[in-house]
Amino acid sequence: MSVGVKCIGIRDAGNESVDDRCVYLTFDDGPDRRNTSEILSVLSEYNVP
């Protein structure tokens, strides 16, 4: 699977404190039959809540 990544500057996502180990993922195109299950599987493998 190939994924395009766009890096932007670090900023606070609201009023909560920013954790150095926190990543926010967005999926602009919605669920995809080919990739969604693979992405969820990888996140689960690394115990991402």
PDB file of N, CA and C in Angstrom:
ATOM      1  N   MET A   1       0.848  -1.168   0.000  1.00  0.00           N
ATOM      2  CA  MET A   1       0.000   0.000   0.000  1.00  0.00           C
ATOM      3  C   MET A   1       0.892   1.229   0.000  1.00  0.00           C
ATOM      4  N   SER A   2       0.566   2.174  -0.814  1.00  0.00           N
ATOM      5  CA  SER A   2       1.294   3.432  -0.887  1.00  0.00           C
ATOM      6  C   SER A   2       0.386   4.538  -0.380  1.00  0.00           C
ATOM      7  N   VAL A   3       0.938   5.395   0.478  1.00  0.00           N
ATOM      8  CA  VAL A   3       0.139   6.459   1.072  1.00  0.00           C
ATOM      9  C   VAL A   3       0.873   7.779   0.911  1.00  0.00           C
ATOM     10  N   GLY A   4       0.181   8.798   0.457  1.00  0.00           N
ATOM     11  CA  GLY A   4       0.756  10.134   0.394  1.00  0.00           C
ATOM     12  C   GLY A   4       0.630  10.797   1.756  1.00  0.00           C
ATOM     13  N   VAL A   5       1.661  11.497   2.171  1.00  0.00           N
ATOM     14  CA  VAL A   5       1.659  12.138   3.486  1.00  0.00           C
ATOM     15  C   VAL A   5       1.974  13.613   3.324  1.00  0.00           C
ATOM     16  N   LYS A   6       1.226  14.432   4.028  1.00  0.00           N
ATOM     17  CA  LYS A   6       1.502  15.861   4.043  1.00  0.00           C
ATOM     18  C   LYS A   6       1.811  16.261   5.475  1.00  0.00           C
ATOM     19  N   CYS A   7       2.988  16.788   5.699  1.00  0.00           N
ATOM     20  CA  CYS A   7       3.389  17.207   7.042  1.00  0.00           C
ATOM     21  C   CYS A   7       3.115  18.692   7.203  1.00  0.00           C
ATOM     22  N   ILE A   8       2.507  19.026   8.326  1.00  0.00           N
ATOM     23  CA  ILE A   8       2.251  20.424   8.640  1.00  0.00           C
ATOM     24  C   ILE A   8       2.871  20.724   9.990  1.00  0.00           C
ATOM     25  N   GLY A   9       2.938  21.966  10.344  1.00  0.00           N
ATOM     26  CA  GLY A   9       3.515  22.353  11.625  1.00  0.00           C
ATOM     27  C   GLY A   9       2.723  21.797  12.795  1.00  0.00           C
ATOM     28  N   ILE A  10       3.409  21.604  13.903  1.00  0.00           N
ATOM     29  CA  ILE A  10       2.762  21.100  15.118  1.00  0.00           C
ATOM     30  C   ILE A  10       1.927  22.216  15.721  1.00  0.00           C
ATOM     31  N   ARG A  11       0.726  21.863  16.119  1.00  0.00           N
ATOM     32  CA  ARG A  11      -0.128  22.842  16.788  1.00  0.00           C
ATOM     33  C   ARG A  11      -1.075  22.124  17.722  1.00  0.00           C
ATOM     34  N   ASP A  12      -1.577  22.848  18.658  1.00  0.00           N
ATOM     35  CA  ASP A  12      -2.521  22.309  19.630  1.00  0.00           C
ATOM     36  C   ASP A  12      -3.863  22.113  18.943  1.00  0.00           C
ATOM     37  N   ALA A  13      -4.447  20.936  19.089  1.00  0.00           N
ATOM     38  CA  ALA A  13      -5.740  20.640  18.468  1.00  0.00           C
ATOM     39  C   ALA A  13      -6.853  20.847  19.481  1.00  0.00           C
ATOM     40  N   GLY A  14      -6.978  22.038  19.977  1.00  0.00           N
ATOM     41  CA  GLY A  14      -7.999  22.329  20.971  1.00  0.00           C
ATOM     42  C   GLY A  14      -7.364  22.800  22.263  1.00  0.00           C
ATOM     43  N   ASN A  15      -8.092  22.652  23.347  1.00  0.00           N
ATOM     44  CA  ASN A  15      -7.603  23.123  24.637  1.00  0.00           C
ATOM     45  C   ASN A  15      -6.848  22.072  25.422  1.00  0.00           C
ATOM     46  N   GLU A  16      -6.792  20.856  24.937  1.00  0.00           N
ATOM     47  CA  GLU A  16      -6.080  19.805  25.647  1.00  0.00           C
ATOM     48  C   GLU A  16      -4.584  19.973  25.447  1.00  0.00           C
ATOM     49  N   SER A  17      -3.802  19.497  26.429  1.00  0.00           N
ATOM     50  CA  SER A  17      -2.351  19.598  26.291  1.00  0.00           C
ATOM     51  C   SER A  17      -1.879  18.696  25.155  1.00  0.00           C
ATOM     52  N   VAL A  18      -0.836  19.104  24.492  1.00  0.00           N
ATOM     53  CA  VAL A  18      -0.298  18.356  23.363  1.00  0.00           C
ATOM     54  C   VAL A  18       0.682  17.318  23.877  1.00  0.00           C
ATOM     55  N   ASP A  19       0.479  16.075  23.494  1.00  0.00           N
ATOM     56  CA  ASP A  19       1.357  14.967  23.871  1.00  0.00           C
ATOM     57  C   ASP A  19       2.303  14.712  22.707  1.00  0.00           C
ATOM     58  N   ASP A  20       3.598  14.618  22.982  1.00  0.00           N
ATOM     59  CA  ASP A  20       4.578  14.380  21.923  1.00  0.00           C
ATOM     60  C   ASP A  20       4.321  13.080  21.173  1.00  0.00           C
ATOM     61  N   ARG A  21       3.584  12.153  21.776  1.00  0.00           N
ATOM     62  CA  ARG A  21       3.334  10.860  21.146  1.00  0.00           C
ATOM     63  C   ARG A  21       1.941  10.787  20.527  1.00  0.00           C
ATOM     64  N   CYS A  22       1.345  11.908  20.279  1.00  0.00           N
ATOM     65  CA  CYS A  22      -0.013  11.947  19.739  1.00  0.00           C
ATOM     66  C   CYS A  22       0.025  12.304  18.253  1.00  0.00           C
ATOM     67  N   VAL A  23      -0.703  11.539  17.455  1.00  0.00           N
ATOM     68  CA  VAL A  23      -0.801  11.805  16.021  1.00  0.00           C
ATOM     69  C   VAL A  23      -2.278  11.838  15.658  1.00  0.00           C
ATOM     70  N   TYR A  24      -2.681  12.823  14.888  1.00  0.00           N
ATOM     71  CA  TYR A  24      -4.053  12.914  14.415  1.00  0.00           C
ATOM     72  C   TYR A  24      -4.085  12.476  12.959  1.00  0.00           C
ATOM     73  N   LEU A  25      -4.915  11.500  12.653  1.00  0.00           N
ATOM     74  CA  LEU A  25      -5.051  11.014  11.284  1.00  0.00           C
ATOM     75  C   LEU A  25      -6.388  11.469  10.721  1.00  0.00           C
ATOM     76  N   THR A  26      -6.374  11.897   9.480  1.00  0.00           N
ATOM     77  CA  THR A  26      -7.629  12.214   8.799  1.00  0.00           C
ATOM     78  C   THR A  26      -7.693  11.417   7.503  1.00  0.00           C
ATOM     79  N   PHE A  27      -8.878  11.015   7.159  1.00  0.00           N
ATOM     80  CA  PHE A  27      -9.111  10.262   5.933  1.00  0.00           C
ATOM     81  C   PHE A  27     -10.132  11.045   5.127  1.00  0.00           C
ATOM     82  N   ASP A  28      -9.649  11.893   4.248  1.00  0.00           N
ATOM     83  CA  ASP A  28     -10.512  12.819   3.526  1.00  0.00           C
ATOM     84  C   ASP A  28     -11.463  12.156   2.543  1.00  0.00           C
ATOM     85  N   ASP A  29     -11.119  10.984   2.065  1.00  0.00           N
ATOM     86  CA  ASP A  29     -11.948  10.334   1.058  1.00  0.00           C
ATOM     87  C   ASP A  29     -12.944   9.336   1.634  1.00  0.00           C
ATOM     88  N   GLY A  30     -12.959   9.186   2.947  1.00  0.00           N
ATOM     89  CA  GLY A  30     -13.877   8.239   3.572  1.00  0.00           C
ATOM     90  C   GLY A  30     -13.374   6.809   3.463  1.00  0.00           C
ATOM     91  N   PRO A  31     -14.174   5.846   3.894  1.00  0.00           N
ATOM     92  CA  PRO A  31     -13.767   4.437   3.844  1.00  0.00           C
ATOM     93  C   PRO A  31     -13.509   3.989   2.405  1.00  0.00           C
ATOM     94  N   ASP A  32     -12.536   3.125   2.262  1.00  0.00           N
ATOM     95  CA  ASP A  32     -12.174   2.584   0.955  1.00  0.00           C
ATOM     96  C   ASP A  32     -12.088   1.073   1.082  1.00  0.00           C
ATOM     97  N   ARG A  33     -12.735   0.356   0.186  1.00  0.00           N
ATOM     98  CA  ARG A  33     -12.759  -1.114   0.257  1.00  0.00           C
ATOM     99  C   ARG A  33     -11.374  -1.736   0.277  1.00  0.00           C
ATOM    100  N   ARG A  34     -10.442  -1.155  -0.439  1.00  0.00           N
ATOM    101  CA  ARG A  34      -9.106  -1.747  -0.542  1.00  0.00           C
ATOM    102  C   ARG A  34      -8.218  -1.404   0.640  1.00  0.00           C
ATOM    103  N   ASN A  35      -8.254  -0.166   1.115  1.00  0.00           N
ATOM    104  CA  ASN A  35      -7.256   0.286   2.078  1.00  0.00           C
ATOM    105  C   ASN A  35      -7.713   0.361   3.527  1.00  0.00           C
ATOM    106  N   THR A  36      -8.987   0.595   3.779  1.00  0.00           N
ATOM    107  CA  THR A  36      -9.442   0.805   5.148  1.00  0.00           C
ATOM    108  C   THR A  36      -9.130  -0.377   6.050  1.00  0.00           C
ATOM    109  N   SER A  37      -9.414  -1.588   5.618  1.00  0.00           N
ATOM    110  CA  SER A  37      -9.163  -2.754   6.475  1.00  0.00           C
ATOM    111  C   SER A  37      -7.672  -2.932   6.741  1.00  0.00           C
ATOM    112  N   GLU A  38      -6.833  -2.633   5.765  1.00  0.00           N
ATOM    113  CA  GLU A  38      -5.385  -2.753   5.962  1.00  0.00           C
ATOM    114  C   GLU A  38      -4.885  -1.704   6.959  1.00  0.00           C
ATOM    115  N   ILE A  39      -5.369  -0.488   6.849  1.00  0.00           N
ATOM    116  CA  ILE A  39      -4.978   0.571   7.782  1.00  0.00           C
ATOM    117  C   ILE A  39      -5.424   0.221   9.190  1.00  0.00           C
ATOM    118  N   LEU A  40      -6.669  -0.222   9.355  1.00  0.00           N
ATOM    119  CA  LEU A  40      -7.172  -0.596  10.677  1.00  0.00           C
ATOM    120  C   LEU A  40      -6.392  -1.764  11.258  1.00  0.00           C
ATOM    121  N   SER A  41      -5.989  -2.694  10.431  1.00  0.00           N
ATOM    122  CA  SER A  41      -5.200  -3.836  10.879  1.00  0.00           C
ATOM    123  C   SER A  41      -3.839  -3.391  11.418  1.00  0.00           C
ATOM    124  N   VAL A  42      -3.182  -2.495  10.705  1.00  0.00           N
ATOM    125  CA  VAL A  42      -1.878  -1.988  11.160  1.00  0.00           C
ATOM    126  C   VAL A  42      -2.031  -1.213  12.463  1.00  0.00           C
ATOM    127  N   LEU A  43      -3.053  -0.377  12.560  1.00  0.00           N
ATOM    128  CA  LEU A  43      -3.279   0.368  13.801  1.00  0.00           C
ATOM    129  C   LEU A  43      -3.529  -0.579  14.965  1.00  0.00           C
ATOM    130  N   SER A  44      -4.295  -1.619  14.747  1.00  0.00           N
ATOM    131  CA  SER A  44      -4.570  -2.616  15.782  1.00  0.00           C
ATOM    132  C   SER A  44      -3.299  -3.359  16.183  1.00  0.00           C
ATOM    133  N   GLU A  45      -2.482  -3.685  15.208  1.00  0.00           N
ATOM    134  CA  GLU A  45      -1.223  -4.398  15.457  1.00  0.00           C
ATOM    135  C   GLU A  45      -0.321  -3.616  16.413  1.00  0.00           C
ATOM    136  N   TYR A  46      -0.377  -2.286  16.338  1.00  0.00           N
ATOM    137  CA  TYR A  46       0.444  -1.433  17.194  1.00  0.00           C
ATOM    138  C   TYR A  46      -0.338  -0.887  18.391  1.00  0.00           C
ATOM    139  N   ASN A  47      -1.492  -1.502  18.677  1.00  0.00           N
ATOM    140  CA  ASN A  47      -2.320  -1.132  19.833  1.00  0.00           C
ATOM    141  C   ASN A  47      -2.712   0.342  19.846  1.00  0.00           C
ATOM    142  N   VAL A  48      -3.022   0.867  18.675  1.00  0.00           N
ATOM    143  CA  VAL A  48      -3.487   2.245  18.579  1.00  0.00           C
ATOM    144  C   VAL A  48      -4.974   2.248  18.907  1.00  0.00           C
ATOM    145  N   PRO A  49      -5.374   3.033  19.913  1.00  0.00           N
ATOM    146  CA  PRO A  49      -6.805   3.039  20.285  1.00  0.00           C
ATOM    147  C   PRO A  49      -7.681   3.697  19.223  1.00  0.00           C
TER     148      PRO A  49
END
